[in-house]
Amino acid sequence: MAVESDPTAATSDGRSSVNSDYHQPTSPIKLDVIVVGAGISGLATAVSTALSGHNVKVFETAKELLEVGAGIQVTPNSTRILQRWGLPDSVWRSASEPTSLSIHRYTGNVLAHEDNFHSNIRRKYHSPFLDMHRVDLQLSLYQRAKQLGVQFCLGEKVDGIDIEAAEITTKCGHSANADIIVAADGLWSKTAASFRGKTNPPLPTGDLAYRVVLNIEAVEDDSELSAWVRVPAVHFWIGPGQELPTWINDKSNFVFV
């Protein structure tokens, strides 16, 4: 089921008209900004910065943005901002809004349950809690950034950064400078390491996450599973040192983590 009361009445250019009365402040000083990395954080930075009136250029190693990852849950504090940014209407249509939330003990006992989860969330926070595929959010941010005039340099791996000069050099030999360089190149960020003057590798936590995405068509006729996919809902199973959340990712995917 797509989002209840589409937070969306599309405008002529395909953007959401939700919160159309909100106007992001424009900076009195226009800056040139380079964002290294076109993941969700890099694209979100590009959109927000462009909306503030700055010139933005994004450098990304990948030659194209492909479907990587699985489902994500987007909480109301985030959906409120995404609505204000005027993302394409397609991202809301692809999302699922869970109508209930249940927490189960690993033995199967229900520890907590909330009906009308979607309505309660909207009433309390004035914005929806949504489940969606990571790539749907990423591509919608990419599309909105391009609408705002953000320049993208795909297939350009940043190989060197001069922090003092605010200049980057790519593996292809291209260089660019700006007033600000934003490090959004992921867990092993070379940009952040250049700024700190040393690497800062992530510390292993000992936790492992396994993601499984099932096509709804493969389970909707199963007598034991059909109820789980007929109506969007979020379920958590918890046990000693383990947990298993599940949700309907969109109209076609059922996600286990």
Foldseek 3Di string as FASTA:
>chain_A
DFDDPLCADADPVQWRCRPVVDQDAADPDAWEEEEEALALVSLVVLLNNLSNPYAYEYEHQAQDDDQDDFKDKDAFVRQVVVNVSGFGSVLRQFKAAAQKEWEAEQVGHTPDIDGRPQVVRCVVRVGGIIMARSVSSSVRSVVSSVVSPYHYDYNWAFDDADVVQQKTATPVGDIDHIPYYHFPHDQFTPVVCVVVVHTDHDDDPPDDDDKDKDWCVVPCPPPVCVVPLVGWHWYWYDDVVDIWIWTARGNTIIMID
